[in-house]
């Protein structure tokens, strides 16, 4: 994958964020998108070899649209400033997310603002054995990679049904259960980038498995 060419394209798109420019450069965009899909397919095979429970996700299924949803977010530009994709994308489960772009690049995973039912199941799991999740989050290599849970909106008070003095009160008040590893352009363009992706996937796996186990009960 020529990530340098991808960054160059995104920079030009960001400076000309309208359909007329995209139409003029459609072949170039399509070529880069196909390259990214091929890279995802290769990564999909490598991750499957790493994780026996991996859910095969072809690149064409994993890649996100570059168009912003202007129906719900009319203030956003027509096109995103990144290429993104989800792998290990079992229906309804916490997937592994890759984003390469201008504003931010990252490797992430977990549950971003899950719906009421999913959030309830995760909180039930934390109530039952939150110490397991806490140990995962506090593992030194995990903290080095991700820092901790992705910062997002949290409840001011405890969710209904849980005491204020609950031993895992801080976890229970979260609305998002996700982690992210920021990436620099230098890292993405380095020869060791793919090895870093695999390493990050493995480090994140116990966290995602905890969440997915919670969702299946």
C-alpha atoms as a PDB file:
ATOM      1  CA  UNK A   1       0.000   0.000   0.000  1.00  0.00           C
ATOM      2  CA  UNK A   2       1.423   3.383  -1.016  1.00  0.00           C
ATOM      3  CA  UNK A   3       0.438   5.365   2.085  1.00  0.00           C
ATOM      4  CA  UNK A   4       2.490   8.327   0.908  1.00  0.00           C
ATOM      5  CA  UNK A   5       0.272   8.606  -2.181  1.00  0.00           C
ATOM      6  CA  UNK A   6      -2.778   8.216   0.056  1.00  0.00           C
ATOM      7  CA  UNK A   7      -1.725  11.135   2.269  1.00  0.00           C
ATOM      8  CA  UNK A   8      -1.026  13.291  -0.789  1.00  0.00           C
ATOM      9  CA  UNK A   9      -4.474  12.526  -2.203  1.00  0.00           C
ATOM     10  CA  UNK A  10      -6.188  13.326   1.107  1.00  0.00           C
ATOM     11  CA  UNK A  11      -4.325  16.644   1.356  1.00  0.00           C
ATOM     12  CA  UNK A  12      -5.486  17.642  -2.118  1.00  0.00           C
ATOM     13  CA  UNK A  13      -9.018  16.456  -1.408  1.00  0.00           C
ATOM     14  CA  UNK A  14      -9.095  18.450   1.819  1.00  0.00           C
ATOM     15  CA  UNK A  15      -8.142  21.587  -0.109  1.00  0.00           C
ATOM     16  CA  UNK A  16     -10.783  20.857  -2.785  1.00  0.00           C
ATOM     17  CA  UNK A  17     -13.560  19.223  -0.832  1.00  0.00           C
ATOM     18  CA  UNK A  18     -16.344  19.175  -3.390  1.00  0.00           C
ATOM     19  CA  UNK A  19     -17.863  16.725  -5.842  1.00  0.00           C
ATOM     20  CA  UNK A  20     -16.519  18.421  -8.981  1.00  0.00           C
ATOM     21  CA  UNK A  21     -12.913  17.884  -7.858  1.00  0.00           C
ATOM     22  CA  UNK A  22     -13.598  14.308  -6.798  1.00  0.00           C
ATOM     23  CA  UNK A  23     -15.223  13.560 -10.154  1.00  0.00           C
ATOM     24  CA  UNK A  24     -12.114  14.816 -11.941  1.00  0.00           C
ATOM     25  CA  UNK A  25      -9.900  12.578  -9.779  1.00  0.00           C
ATOM     26  CA  UNK A  26     -12.240   9.584  -9.489  1.00  0.00           C
ATOM     27  CA  UNK A  27      -9.823   7.140 -11.178  1.00  0.00           C
ATOM     28  CA  UNK A  28      -7.058   8.153  -8.804  1.00  0.00           C
ATOM     29  CA  UNK A  29      -9.332   7.738  -5.792  1.00  0.00           C
ATOM     30  CA  UNK A  30     -10.564   4.355  -7.029  1.00  0.00           C
ATOM     31  CA  UNK A  31      -6.990   3.119  -7.531  1.00  0.00           C
ATOM     32  CA  UNK A  32      -6.028   4.145  -3.976  1.00  0.00           C
ATOM     33  CA  UNK A  33      -9.219   2.640  -2.555  1.00  0.00           C
ATOM     34  CA  UNK A  34      -8.498  -0.662  -4.324  1.00  0.00           C
ATOM     35  CA  UNK A  35      -4.942  -0.605  -2.970  1.00  0.00           C
ATOM     36  CA  UNK A  36      -6.281  -0.042   0.537  1.00  0.00           C
ATOM     37  CA  UNK A  37      -8.769  -2.897   0.125  1.00  0.00           C
ATOM     38  CA  UNK A  38      -5.973  -5.231  -1.019  1.00  0.00           C
ATOM     39  CA  UNK A  39      -3.895  -4.199   1.991  1.00  0.00           C
ATOM     40  CA  UNK A  40      -6.870  -4.918   4.252  1.00  0.00           C
ATOM     41  CA  UNK A  41      -7.321  -8.342   2.648  1.00  0.00           C
ATOM     42  CA  UNK A  42      -3.682  -9.171   3.390  1.00  0.00           C
ATOM     43  CA  UNK A  43      -4.058  -7.908   6.950  1.00  0.00           C
ATOM     44  CA  UNK A  44      -7.276  -9.898   7.343  1.00  0.00           C
ATOM     45  CA  UNK A  45      -5.373 -13.109   6.562  1.00  0.00           C
ATOM     46  CA  UNK A  46      -2.553 -12.245   8.977  1.00  0.00           C
ATOM     47  CA  UNK A  47      -4.931 -11.428  11.810  1.00  0.00           C
ATOM     48  CA  UNK A  48      -6.841 -14.668  11.215  1.00  0.00           C
ATOM     49  CA  UNK A  49      -3.555 -16.547  11.658  1.00  0.00           C
ATOM     50  CA  UNK A  50      -3.039 -14.688  14.958  1.00  0.00           C
ATOM     51  CA  UNK A  51      -6.489 -15.232  16.452  1.00  0.00           C
ATOM     52  CA  UNK A  52      -8.348 -18.565  16.139  1.00  0.00           C
ATOM     53  CA  UNK A  53     -11.652 -16.785  16.858  1.00  0.00           C
ATOM     54  CA  UNK A  54     -11.086 -14.112  14.227  1.00  0.00           C
ATOM     55  CA  UNK A  55     -14.111 -13.219  12.085  1.00  0.00           C
ATOM     56  CA  UNK A  56     -12.971 -12.951   8.462  1.00  0.00           C
ATOM     57  CA  UNK A  57     -13.733  -9.502   7.088  1.00  0.00           C
ATOM     58  CA  UNK A  58     -12.853  -8.889   3.420  1.00  0.00           C
ATOM     59  CA  UNK A  59     -11.507  -5.428   2.714  1.00  0.00           C
ATOM     60  CA  UNK A  60     -14.550  -4.455   0.645  1.00  0.00           C
ATOM     61  CA  UNK A  61     -16.784  -5.252   3.615  1.00  0.00           C
ATOM     62  CA  UNK A  62     -14.548  -3.591   6.165  1.00  0.00           C
ATOM     63  CA  UNK A  63     -13.780  -0.291   4.418  1.00  0.00           C
ATOM     64  CA  UNK A  64     -15.877   2.755   5.258  1.00  0.00           C
ATOM     65  CA  UNK A  65     -17.371   5.198   2.776  1.00  0.00           C
ATOM     66  CA  UNK A  66     -15.336   8.346   2.195  1.00  0.00           C
ATOM     67  CA  UNK A  67     -18.524  10.421   1.895  1.00  0.00           C
ATOM     68  CA  UNK A  68     -19.743  12.095   5.071  1.00  0.00           C
ATOM     69  CA  UNK A  69     -23.388  11.570   6.002  1.00  0.00           C
ATOM     70  CA  UNK A  70     -24.672  15.076   5.282  1.00  0.00           C
ATOM     71  CA  UNK A  71     -28.263  14.133   6.076  1.00  0.00           C
ATOM     72  CA  UNK A  72     -27.488  13.915   9.790  1.00  0.00           C
ATOM     73  CA  UNK A  73     -24.402  16.168   9.788  1.00  0.00           C
ATOM     74  CA  UNK A  74     -25.002  18.913   7.197  1.00  0.00           C
ATOM     75  CA  UNK A  75     -22.197  21.032   8.671  1.00  0.00           C
ATOM     76  CA  UNK A  76     -19.498  18.520   7.731  1.00  0.00           C
ATOM     77  CA  UNK A  77     -17.497  18.617   4.475  1.00  0.00           C
ATOM     78  CA  UNK A  78     -18.644  16.410   1.590  1.00  0.00           C
ATOM     79  CA  UNK A  79     -15.716  14.007   2.005  1.00  0.00           C
ATOM     80  CA  UNK A  80     -13.828  12.671   5.008  1.00  0.00           C
ATOM     81  CA  UNK A  81     -10.126  13.411   5.477  1.00  0.00           C
ATOM     82  CA  UNK A  82      -9.261   9.770   6.100  1.00  0.00           C
ATOM     83  CA  UNK A  83      -9.598   6.163   4.977  1.00  0.00           C
ATOM     84  CA  UNK A  84     -11.096   3.938   7.676  1.00  0.00           C
ATOM     85  CA  UNK A  85     -12.018   0.290   8.047  1.00  0.00           C
ATOM     86  CA  UNK A  86     -13.204  -2.244  10.599  1.00  0.00           C
ATOM     87  CA  UNK A  87     -11.757  -5.771  10.733  1.00  0.00           C
ATOM     88  CA  UNK A  88     -12.709  -8.818  12.824  1.00  0.00           C
ATOM     89  CA  UNK A  89     -16.176  -7.397  12.258  1.00  0.00           C
ATOM     90  CA  UNK A  90     -18.549 -10.014  13.657  1.00  0.00           C
ATOM     91  CA  UNK A  91     -22.147  -8.712  13.591  1.00  0.00           C
ATOM     92  CA  UNK A  92     -22.955  -6.713  16.702  1.00  0.00           C
ATOM     93  CA  UNK A  93     -19.539  -7.252  18.286  1.00  0.00           C
ATOM     94  CA  UNK A  94     -16.604  -4.967  19.111  1.00  0.00           C
ATOM     95  CA  UNK A  95     -14.407  -4.774  16.016  1.00  0.00           C
ATOM     96  CA  UNK A  96     -10.812  -3.648  15.330  1.00  0.00           C
ATOM     97  CA  UNK A  97     -10.689  -0.259  13.642  1.00  0.00           C
ATOM     98  CA  UNK A  98      -7.999   1.293  11.446  1.00  0.00           C
ATOM     99  CA  UNK A  99      -7.979   4.957  10.449  1.00  0.00           C
ATOM    100  CA  UNK A 100      -5.349   6.642   8.279  1.00  0.00           C
ATOM    101  CA  UNK A 101      -5.902  10.327   7.740  1.00  0.00           C
ATOM    102  CA  UNK A 102      -4.944  13.959   8.118  1.00  0.00           C
ATOM    103  CA  UNK A 103      -6.727  15.054  11.275  1.00  0.00           C
ATOM    104  CA  UNK A 104      -5.929  11.842  13.109  1.00  0.00           C
ATOM    105  CA  UNK A 105      -4.732   8.322  12.467  1.00  0.00           C
ATOM    106  CA  UNK A 106      -5.237   5.470  14.901  1.00  0.00           C
ATOM    107  CA  UNK A 107      -5.740   1.809  15.682  1.00  0.00           C
ATOM    108  CA  UNK A 108      -8.816   1.405  17.855  1.00  0.00           C
ATOM    109  CA  UNK A 109     -11.434  -1.045  19.018  1.00  0.00           C
ATOM    110  CA  UNK A 110     -14.268  -1.651  21.430  1.00  0.00           C
ATOM    111  CA  UNK A 111     -17.760  -0.194  21.692  1.00  0.00           C
ATOM    112  CA  UNK A 112     -18.323   3.458  20.795  1.00  0.00           C
ATOM    113  CA  UNK A 113     -21.463   4.729  22.559  1.00  0.00           C
ATOM    114  CA  UNK A 114     -23.285   1.377  22.358  1.00  0.00           C
ATOM    115  CA  UNK A 115     -27.064   1.260  22.487  1.00  0.00           C
ATOM    116  CA  UNK A 116     -29.004   0.800  25.700  1.00  0.00           C
ATOM    117  CA  UNK A 117     -29.140  -3.007  25.518  1.00  0.00           C
ATOM    118  CA  UNK A 118     -25.429  -3.464  24.807  1.00  0.00           C
ATOM    119  CA  UNK A 119     -24.428  -0.935  27.446  1.00  0.00           C
ATOM    120  CA  UNK A 120     -26.611  -2.753  29.979  1.00  0.00           C
ATOM    121  CA  UNK A 121     -24.884  -6.070  29.193  1.00  0.00           C
ATOM    122  CA  UNK A 122     -21.407  -4.570  29.577  1.00  0.00           C
ATOM    123  CA  UNK A 123     -22.365  -3.034  32.912  1.00  0.00           C
ATOM    124  CA  UNK A 124     -23.776  -6.370  34.079  1.00  0.00           C
ATOM    125  CA  UNK A 125     -20.438  -7.995  33.223  1.00  0.00           C
ATOM    126  CA  UNK A 126     -18.531  -5.292  35.120  1.00  0.00           C
ATOM    127  CA  UNK A 127     -20.818  -5.798  38.109  1.00  0.00           C
ATOM    128  CA  UNK A 128     -20.048  -9.530  38.006  1.00  0.00           C
ATOM    129  CA  UNK A 129     -16.269  -9.516  37.366  1.00  0.00           C
ATOM    130  CA  UNK A 130     -15.135  -5.958  36.746  1.00  0.00           C
ATOM    131  CA  UNK A 131     -11.782  -6.804  38.293  1.00  0.00           C
ATOM    132  CA  UNK A 132     -10.975  -8.814  35.149  1.00  0.00           C
ATOM    133  CA  UNK A 133     -11.533  -5.765  32.947  1.00  0.00           C
ATOM    134  CA  UNK A 134      -9.641  -3.574  35.408  1.00  0.00           C
ATOM    135  CA  UNK A 135      -6.625  -5.912  35.267  1.00  0.00           C
ATOM    136  CA  UNK A 136      -6.675  -5.750  31.441  1.00  0.00           C
ATOM    137  CA  UNK A 137      -6.770  -1.944  31.491  1.00  0.00           C
ATOM    138  CA  UNK A 138      -3.988  -1.695  34.064  1.00  0.00           C
ATOM    139  CA  UNK A 139      -1.565  -4.076  32.360  1.00  0.00           C
ATOM    140  CA  UNK A 140       1.621  -2.019  31.729  1.00  0.00           C
ATOM    141  CA  UNK A 141       1.905  -2.917  28.024  1.00  0.00           C
ATOM    142  CA  UNK A 142      -1.792  -2.102  27.528  1.00  0.00           C
ATOM    143  CA  UNK A 143      -1.427   1.275  29.207  1.00  0.00           C
ATOM    144  CA  UNK A 144       1.659   2.003  27.119  1.00  0.00           C
ATOM    145  CA  UNK A 145      -0.245   1.258  23.911  1.00  0.00           C
ATOM    146  CA  UNK A 146      -3.596   2.890  24.702  1.00  0.00           C
ATOM    147  CA  UNK A 147      -3.276   4.909  27.900  1.00  0.00           C
ATOM    148  CA  UNK A 148      -6.687   3.759  29.110  1.00  0.00           C
ATOM    149  CA  UNK A 149     -10.284   3.891  27.969  1.00  0.00           C
ATOM    150  CA  UNK A 150     -11.016   6.394  25.208  1.00  0.00           C
ATOM    151  CA  UNK A 151     -12.209   9.613  26.902  1.00  0.00           C
ATOM    152  CA  UNK A 152     -15.869  10.297  26.170  1.00  0.00           C
ATOM    153  CA  UNK A 153     -19.074  11.361  27.913  1.00  0.00           C
ATOM    154  CA  UNK A 154     -19.633   9.746  31.306  1.00  0.00           C
ATOM    155  CA  UNK A 155     -22.553   9.656  33.704  1.00  0.00           C
ATOM    156  CA  UNK A 156     -22.338  12.154  36.541  1.00  0.00           C
ATOM    157  CA  UNK A 157     -24.188   9.751  38.822  1.00  0.00           C
ATOM    158  CA  UNK A 158     -24.140   5.976  38.941  1.00  0.00           C
ATOM    159  CA  UNK A 159     -26.422   4.137  36.487  1.00  0.00           C
ATOM    160  CA  UNK A 160     -29.733   3.024  37.933  1.00  0.00           C
ATOM    161  CA  UNK A 161     -29.448  -0.093  40.058  1.00  0.00           C
ATOM    162  CA  UNK A 162     -25.802   0.361  41.099  1.00  0.00           C
ATOM    163  CA  UNK A 163     -24.656   1.712  44.441  1.00  0.00           C
ATOM    164  CA  UNK A 164     -22.446   4.802  44.590  1.00  0.00           C
ATOM    165  CA  UNK A 165     -19.847   2.812  46.548  1.00  0.00           C
ATOM    166  CA  UNK A 166     -19.634   0.018  43.949  1.00  0.00           C
ATOM    167  CA  UNK A 167     -15.993  -1.164  43.678  1.00  0.00           C
ATOM    168  CA  UNK A 168     -16.059  -0.540  39.909  1.00  0.00           C
ATOM    169  CA  UNK A 169     -18.004   2.707  40.005  1.00  0.00           C
ATOM    170  CA  UNK A 170     -15.575   4.498  37.678  1.00  0.00           C
ATOM    171  CA  UNK A 171     -16.014   1.853  34.969  1.00  0.00           C
ATOM    172  CA  UNK A 172     -19.791   1.652  35.338  1.00  0.00           C
ATOM    173  CA  UNK A 173     -20.245   5.362  34.645  1.00  0.00           C
ATOM    174  CA  UNK A 174     -18.701   5.102  31.183  1.00  0.00           C
ATOM    175  CA  UNK A 175     -20.882   5.364  28.073  1.00  0.00           C
ATOM    176  CA  UNK A 176     -18.091   4.292  25.715  1.00  0.00           C
ATOM    177  CA  UNK A 177     -15.865   1.244  26.133  1.00  0.00           C
ATOM    178  CA  UNK A 178     -13.145   1.690  23.528  1.00  0.00           C
ATOM    179  CA  UNK A 179      -9.406   2.213  23.311  1.00  0.00           C
ATOM    180  CA  UNK A 180      -7.255   3.881  20.668  1.00  0.00           C
ATOM    181  CA  UNK A 181      -3.574   4.006  19.771  1.00  0.00           C
ATOM    182  CA  UNK A 182      -2.697   7.267  17.974  1.00  0.00           C
ATOM    183  CA  UNK A 183      -0.469   6.979  14.917  1.00  0.00           C
ATOM    184  CA  UNK A 184       1.857   9.525  13.366  1.00  0.00           C
ATOM    185  CA  UNK A 185       2.422   9.789   9.643  1.00  0.00           C
ATOM    186  CA  UNK A 186       6.059   8.838  10.233  1.00  0.00           C
ATOM    187  CA  UNK A 187       4.994   5.565  11.862  1.00  0.00           C
ATOM    188  CA  UNK A 188       2.515   4.746   9.076  1.00  0.00           C
ATOM    189  CA  UNK A 189       5.159   5.338   6.409  1.00  0.00           C
ATOM    190  CA  UNK A 190       7.759   3.250   8.245  1.00  0.00           C
ATOM    191  CA  UNK A 191       8.648  -0.352   7.267  1.00  0.00           C
ATOM    192  CA  UNK A 192       7.455  -1.581  10.666  1.00  0.00           C
ATOM    193  CA  UNK A 193       3.905  -0.269  10.403  1.00  0.00           C
ATOM    194  CA  UNK A 194       2.236  -3.593   9.604  1.00  0.00           C
ATOM    195  CA  UNK A 195       4.084  -5.290  12.475  1.00  0.00           C
ATOM    196  CA  UNK A 196       2.777  -2.547  14.769  1.00  0.00           C
ATOM    197  CA  UNK A 197      -0.786  -3.200  13.576  1.00  0.00           C
ATOM    198  CA  UNK A 198      -0.461  -6.897  14.438  1.00  0.00           C
ATOM    199  CA  UNK A 199       1.132  -6.126  17.804  1.00  0.00           C
ATOM    200  CA  UNK A 200      -1.653  -3.664  18.619  1.00  0.00           C
ATOM    201  CA  UNK A 201      -4.339  -6.169  17.631  1.00  0.00           C
ATOM    202  CA  UNK A 202      -2.851  -8.770  19.984  1.00  0.00           C
ATOM    203  CA  UNK A 203      -2.548  -6.279  22.842  1.00  0.00           C
ATOM    204  CA  UNK A 204      -6.160  -5.193  22.435  1.00  0.00           C
ATOM    205  CA  UNK A 205      -7.576  -8.700  22.057  1.00  0.00           C
ATOM    206  CA  UNK A 206      -8.283  -9.495  25.767  1.00  0.00           C
ATOM    207  CA  UNK A 207     -10.156  -6.179  26.064  1.00  0.00           C
ATOM    208  CA  UNK A 208     -12.328  -6.873  23.024  1.00  0.00           C
ATOM    209  CA  UNK A 209     -12.899 -10.460  24.101  1.00  0.00           C
ATOM    210  CA  UNK A 210     -14.165  -9.252  27.464  1.00  0.00           C
ATOM    211  CA  UNK A 211     -16.663  -6.940  25.784  1.00  0.00           C
ATOM    212  CA  UNK A 212     -17.789  -9.548  23.258  1.00  0.00           C
ATOM    213  CA  UNK A 213     -18.256 -12.142  25.987  1.00  0.00           C
ATOM    214  CA  UNK A 214     -20.439  -9.641  27.833  1.00  0.00           C
ATOM    215  CA  UNK A 215     -22.553  -9.090  24.726  1.00  0.00           C
ATOM    216  CA  UNK A 216     -23.194 -12.803  24.188  1.00  0.00           C
ATOM    217  CA  UNK A 217     -24.756 -13.405  27.613  1.00  0.00           C
END
